Amino acid sequence: MPNKEEMGDMDAWKDRIQQDVSDLKSNYHLIKKDVEGLQRNDIRQDSQIENMQKTLSAIQEDTNWIRRKITGAIITAVITAVVGGVVGIAVSQIWGG
């Protein structure tokens, strides 16, 4: 039969174990809440990334449009300069002699 000292040690050990279990349960709930928060944050970030990808796609389309317009303007300017030069040379040859 255990004596009083052994019973006291056993009760203290039991109390420590129960406290440890309570601490683990408390920590489990905190970690579970943290994980749920991280999951919500991950979903929100995925949505934001998708929106950014759509925005970047629209910007790329606009950039392509601007590039085409600038290229067209440069080609038009070069053709105008060449035609103007040819016409100028032709006129000077006809009238200037």
N, C-alpha and C. Protein backbone atom coordinates (compact mmCIF):
# COMPACT_ATOMS: atom_id res chain seq x y z
N MET A 1 0.84 -1.18 0.00
CA MET A 1 0.00 0.00 0.00
C MET A 1 0.89 1.24 0.00
N PRO A 2 0.58 2.19 -0.90
CA PRO A 2 1.41 3.40 -0.98
C PRO A 2 1.25 4.26 0.27
N ASN A 3 2.36 4.88 0.66
CA ASN A 3 2.29 5.77 1.83
C ASN A 3 1.84 7.16 1.38
N LYS A 4 1.72 8.07 2.36
CA LYS A 4 1.21 9.41 2.08
C LYS A 4 2.12 10.18 1.13
N GLU A 5 3.40 9.99 1.29
CA GLU A 5 4.36 10.71 0.45
C GLU A 5 4.21 10.26 -1.01
N GLU A 6 4.10 8.97 -1.22
CA GLU A 6 3.93 8.45 -2.58
C GLU A 6 2.61 8.90 -3.17
N MET A 7 1.57 8.95 -2.35
CA MET A 7 0.26 9.42 -2.81
C MET A 7 0.34 10.90 -3.20
N GLY A 8 1.07 11.68 -2.40
CA GLY A 8 1.23 13.10 -2.70
C GLY A 8 1.98 13.29 -4.01
N ASP A 9 3.04 12.48 -4.21
CA ASP A 9 3.79 12.55 -5.46
C ASP A 9 2.91 12.16 -6.64
N MET A 10 2.10 11.12 -6.43
CA MET A 10 1.21 10.65 -7.49
C MET A 10 0.17 11.71 -7.83
N ASP A 11 -0.38 12.37 -6.81
CA ASP A 11 -1.36 13.43 -7.04
C ASP A 11 -0.72 14.61 -7.76
N ALA A 12 0.49 14.96 -7.36
CA ALA A 12 1.20 16.07 -8.01
C ALA A 12 1.47 15.72 -9.47
N TRP A 13 1.89 14.48 -9.71
CA TRP A 13 2.15 14.03 -11.08
C TRP A 13 0.88 14.07 -11.92
N LYS A 14 -0.24 13.60 -11.32
CA LYS A 14 -1.53 13.61 -12.00
C LYS A 14 -1.95 15.04 -12.32
N ASP A 15 -1.76 15.97 -11.38
CA ASP A 15 -2.11 17.37 -11.60
C ASP A 15 -1.27 17.97 -12.74
N ARG A 16 0.03 17.64 -12.76
CA ARG A 16 0.91 18.15 -13.82
C ARG A 16 0.48 17.62 -15.19
N ILE A 17 0.15 16.35 -15.23
CA ILE A 17 -0.30 15.73 -16.48
C ILE A 17 -1.59 16.39 -16.95
N GLN A 18 -2.53 16.59 -16.03
CA GLN A 18 -3.80 17.23 -16.39
C GLN A 18 -3.56 18.66 -16.88
N GLN A 19 -2.64 19.37 -16.22
CA GLN A 19 -2.32 20.73 -16.65
C GLN A 19 -1.68 20.72 -18.04
N ASP A 20 -0.79 19.75 -18.26
CA ASP A 20 -0.15 19.63 -19.59
C ASP A 20 -1.19 19.34 -20.67
N VAL A 21 -2.13 18.47 -20.37
CA VAL A 21 -3.19 18.15 -21.33
C VAL A 21 -4.03 19.39 -21.60
N SER A 22 -4.36 20.13 -20.56
CA SER A 22 -5.14 21.36 -20.73
C SER A 22 -4.37 22.37 -21.58
N ASP A 23 -3.07 22.51 -21.31
CA ASP A 23 -2.24 23.42 -22.10
C ASP A 23 -2.20 22.99 -23.57
N LEU A 24 -2.06 21.69 -23.79
CA LEU A 24 -2.03 21.18 -25.17
C LEU A 24 -3.34 21.45 -25.89
N LYS A 25 -4.46 21.25 -25.19
CA LYS A 25 -5.76 21.52 -25.80
C LYS A 25 -5.89 23.00 -26.13
N SER A 26 -5.46 23.85 -25.20
CA SER A 26 -5.52 25.29 -25.43
C SER A 26 -4.65 25.68 -26.62
N ASN A 27 -3.43 25.15 -26.66
CA ASN A 27 -2.53 25.44 -27.77
C ASN A 27 -3.10 24.90 -29.09
N TYR A 28 -3.74 23.75 -29.03
CA TYR A 28 -4.35 23.16 -30.23
C TYR A 28 -5.39 24.11 -30.81
N HIS A 29 -6.24 24.66 -29.95
CA HIS A 29 -7.28 25.57 -30.42
C HIS A 29 -6.67 26.85 -30.99
N LEU A 30 -5.62 27.35 -30.36
CA LEU A 30 -4.95 28.54 -30.90
C LEU A 30 -4.32 28.25 -32.25
N ILE A 31 -3.66 27.12 -32.37
CA ILE A 31 -3.03 26.75 -33.64
C ILE A 31 -4.10 26.54 -34.71
N LYS A 32 -5.20 25.92 -34.33
CA LYS A 32 -6.29 25.69 -35.28
C LYS A 32 -6.82 27.03 -35.80
N LYS A 33 -7.00 28.00 -34.91
CA LYS A 33 -7.46 29.33 -35.33
C LYS A 33 -6.44 29.99 -36.25
N ASP A 34 -5.16 29.84 -35.92
CA ASP A 34 -4.11 30.41 -36.77
C ASP A 34 -4.13 29.78 -38.16
N VAL A 35 -4.30 28.47 -38.23
CA VAL A 35 -4.34 27.78 -39.52
C VAL A 35 -5.56 28.23 -40.33
N GLU A 36 -6.70 28.36 -39.67
CA GLU A 36 -7.90 28.83 -40.37
C GLU A 36 -7.69 30.25 -40.89
N GLY A 37 -7.05 31.09 -40.09
CA GLY A 37 -6.75 32.45 -40.54
C GLY A 37 -5.81 32.44 -41.73
N LEU A 38 -4.81 31.59 -41.69
CA LEU A 38 -3.87 31.48 -42.82
C LEU A 38 -4.57 30.97 -44.07
N GLN A 39 -5.50 30.05 -43.91
CA GLN A 39 -6.25 29.54 -45.06
C GLN A 39 -7.09 30.65 -45.69
N ARG A 40 -7.76 31.44 -44.85
CA ARG A 40 -8.55 32.56 -45.38
C ARG A 40 -7.65 33.57 -46.08
N ASN A 41 -6.50 33.83 -45.47
CA ASN A 41 -5.55 34.77 -46.07
C ASN A 41 -5.04 34.24 -47.41
N ASP A 42 -4.79 32.95 -47.48
CA ASP A 42 -4.32 32.33 -48.73
C ASP A 42 -5.38 32.47 -49.82
N ILE A 43 -6.63 32.23 -49.48
CA ILE A 43 -7.72 32.37 -50.45
C ILE A 43 -7.82 33.81 -50.93
N ARG A 44 -7.72 34.75 -50.00
CA ARG A 44 -7.79 36.17 -50.35
C ARG A 44 -6.62 36.55 -51.26
N GLN A 45 -5.43 36.05 -50.96
CA GLN A 45 -4.26 36.36 -51.78
C GLN A 45 -4.38 35.74 -53.16
N ASP A 46 -4.93 34.54 -53.25
CA ASP A 46 -5.15 33.92 -54.56
C ASP A 46 -6.08 34.78 -55.41
N SER A 47 -7.12 35.31 -54.78
CA SER A 47 -8.06 36.18 -55.49
C SER A 47 -7.36 37.46 -55.95
N GLN A 48 -6.53 38.03 -55.09
CA GLN A 48 -5.80 39.24 -55.46
C GLN A 48 -4.82 38.97 -56.59
N ILE A 49 -4.16 37.83 -56.55
CA ILE A 49 -3.21 37.47 -57.61
C ILE A 49 -3.96 37.31 -58.94
N GLU A 50 -5.11 36.69 -58.89
CA GLU A 50 -5.91 36.52 -60.11
C GLU A 50 -6.31 37.88 -60.68
N ASN A 51 -6.73 38.80 -59.81
CA ASN A 51 -7.09 40.14 -60.27
C ASN A 51 -5.89 40.86 -60.86
N MET A 52 -4.72 40.71 -60.25
CA MET A 52 -3.51 41.34 -60.77
C MET A 52 -3.14 40.77 -62.13
N GLN A 53 -3.32 39.46 -62.30
CA GLN A 53 -3.02 38.84 -63.59
C GLN A 53 -3.95 39.39 -64.68
N LYS A 54 -5.22 39.58 -64.34
CA LYS A 54 -6.16 40.17 -65.31
C LYS A 54 -5.74 41.59 -65.65
N THR A 55 -5.34 42.36 -64.63
CA THR A 55 -4.90 43.73 -64.86
C THR A 55 -3.65 43.76 -65.73
N LEU A 56 -2.69 42.89 -65.45
CA LEU A 56 -1.47 42.84 -66.26
C LEU A 56 -1.78 42.44 -67.69
N SER A 57 -2.73 41.56 -67.88
CA SER A 57 -3.13 41.16 -69.23
C SER A 57 -3.72 42.35 -69.98
N ALA A 58 -4.57 43.12 -69.29
CA ALA A 58 -5.16 44.31 -69.92
C ALA A 58 -4.08 45.34 -70.24
N ILE A 59 -3.12 45.51 -69.34
CA ILE A 59 -2.02 46.45 -69.58
C ILE A 59 -1.20 45.99 -70.78
N GLN A 60 -0.96 44.70 -70.89
CA GLN A 60 -0.19 44.18 -72.02
C GLN A 60 -0.93 44.43 -73.33
N GLU A 61 -2.25 44.23 -73.33
CA GLU A 61 -3.03 44.51 -74.54
C GLU A 61 -2.95 45.99 -74.90
N ASP A 62 -3.05 46.87 -73.90
CA ASP A 62 -2.93 48.30 -74.15
C ASP A 62 -1.55 48.65 -74.68
N THR A 63 -0.53 48.03 -74.12
CA THR A 63 0.84 48.29 -74.56
C THR A 63 1.03 47.85 -76.01
N ASN A 64 0.48 46.71 -76.37
CA ASN A 64 0.56 46.26 -77.77
C ASN A 64 -0.14 47.24 -78.69
N TRP A 65 -1.28 47.75 -78.28
CA TRP A 65 -2.02 48.71 -79.09
C TRP A 65 -1.20 49.98 -79.27
N ILE A 66 -0.61 50.48 -78.19
CA ILE A 66 0.21 51.70 -78.27
C ILE A 66 1.42 51.45 -79.16
N ARG A 67 2.06 50.31 -79.03
CA ARG A 67 3.22 49.98 -79.87
C ARG A 67 2.83 49.97 -81.35
N ARG A 68 1.67 49.40 -81.67
CA ARG A 68 1.21 49.38 -83.06
C ARG A 68 0.96 50.80 -83.57
N LYS A 69 0.35 51.63 -82.74
CA LYS A 69 0.07 53.01 -83.16
C LYS A 69 1.37 53.78 -83.40
N ILE A 70 2.34 53.63 -82.51
CA ILE A 70 3.62 54.34 -82.66
C ILE A 70 4.35 53.83 -83.90
N THR A 71 4.35 52.52 -84.10
CA THR A 71 5.00 51.95 -85.30
C THR A 71 4.31 52.46 -86.56
N GLY A 72 3.00 52.49 -86.55
CA GLY A 72 2.25 53.03 -87.70
C GLY A 72 2.57 54.49 -87.95
N ALA A 73 2.69 55.27 -86.89
CA ALA A 73 3.01 56.70 -87.05
C ALA A 73 4.41 56.87 -87.62
N ILE A 74 5.37 56.07 -87.17
CA ILE A 74 6.74 56.17 -87.69
C ILE A 74 6.77 55.77 -89.17
N ILE A 75 6.09 54.69 -89.51
CA ILE A 75 6.05 54.26 -90.92
C ILE A 75 5.40 55.34 -91.78
N THR A 76 4.30 55.92 -91.30
CA THR A 76 3.62 56.99 -92.04
C THR A 76 4.55 58.18 -92.22
N ALA A 77 5.28 58.54 -91.17
CA ALA A 77 6.20 59.68 -91.27
C ALA A 77 7.31 59.41 -92.27
N VAL A 78 7.86 58.20 -92.27
CA VAL A 78 8.93 57.85 -93.21
C VAL A 78 8.39 57.87 -94.64
N ILE A 79 7.23 57.27 -94.86
CA ILE A 79 6.64 57.27 -96.21
C ILE A 79 6.35 58.69 -96.66
N THR A 80 5.81 59.52 -95.77
CA THR A 80 5.53 60.92 -96.11
C THR A 80 6.81 61.65 -96.47
N ALA A 81 7.88 61.41 -95.72
CA ALA A 81 9.16 62.07 -96.00
C ALA A 81 9.71 61.62 -97.34
N VAL A 82 9.64 60.33 -97.62
CA VAL A 82 10.15 59.81 -98.89
C VAL A 82 9.33 60.35 -100.06
N VAL A 83 8.01 60.29 -99.95
CA VAL A 83 7.15 60.81 -101.03
C VAL A 83 7.36 62.31 -101.20
N GLY A 84 7.44 63.02 -100.08
CA GLY A 84 7.69 64.47 -100.16
C GLY A 84 9.02 64.78 -100.83
N GLY A 85 10.04 63.99 -100.49
CA GLY A 85 11.36 64.18 -101.11
C GLY A 85 11.33 63.89 -102.60
N VAL A 86 10.66 62.80 -102.98
CA VAL A 86 10.55 62.44 -104.41
C VAL A 86 9.78 63.52 -105.16
N VAL A 87 8.68 63.98 -104.59
CA VAL A 87 7.89 65.04 -105.23
C VAL A 87 8.73 66.32 -105.32
N GLY A 88 9.46 66.63 -104.27
CA GLY A 88 10.31 67.83 -104.29
C GLY A 88 11.37 67.74 -105.36
N ILE A 89 12.00 66.60 -105.48
CA ILE A 89 13.03 66.41 -106.51
C ILE A 89 12.40 66.49 -107.90
N ALA A 90 11.23 65.87 -108.07
CA ALA A 90 10.56 65.89 -109.37
C ALA A 90 10.17 67.31 -109.74
N VAL A 91 9.64 68.06 -108.80
CA VAL A 91 9.24 69.45 -109.08
C VAL A 91 10.45 70.29 -109.40
N SER A 92 11.54 70.11 -108.67
CA SER A 92 12.74 70.91 -108.95
C SER A 92 13.34 70.54 -110.31
N GLN A 93 13.21 69.28 -110.71
CA GLN A 93 13.71 68.86 -112.02
C GLN A 93 12.85 69.43 -113.14
N ILE A 94 11.53 69.46 -112.88
CA ILE A 94 10.62 69.95 -113.92
C ILE A 94 10.73 71.47 -114.04
N TRP A 95 10.70 72.21 -112.95
CA TRP A 95 10.65 73.66 -113.00
C TRP A 95 12.02 74.29 -112.79
N GLY A 96 12.85 73.63 -112.10
CA GLY A 96 14.12 74.24 -111.76
C GLY A 96 15.21 73.93 -112.75
N GLY A 97 15.11 72.86 -113.40
CA GLY A 97 15.94 72.45 -114.45
C GLY A 97 17.28 72.04 -114.25
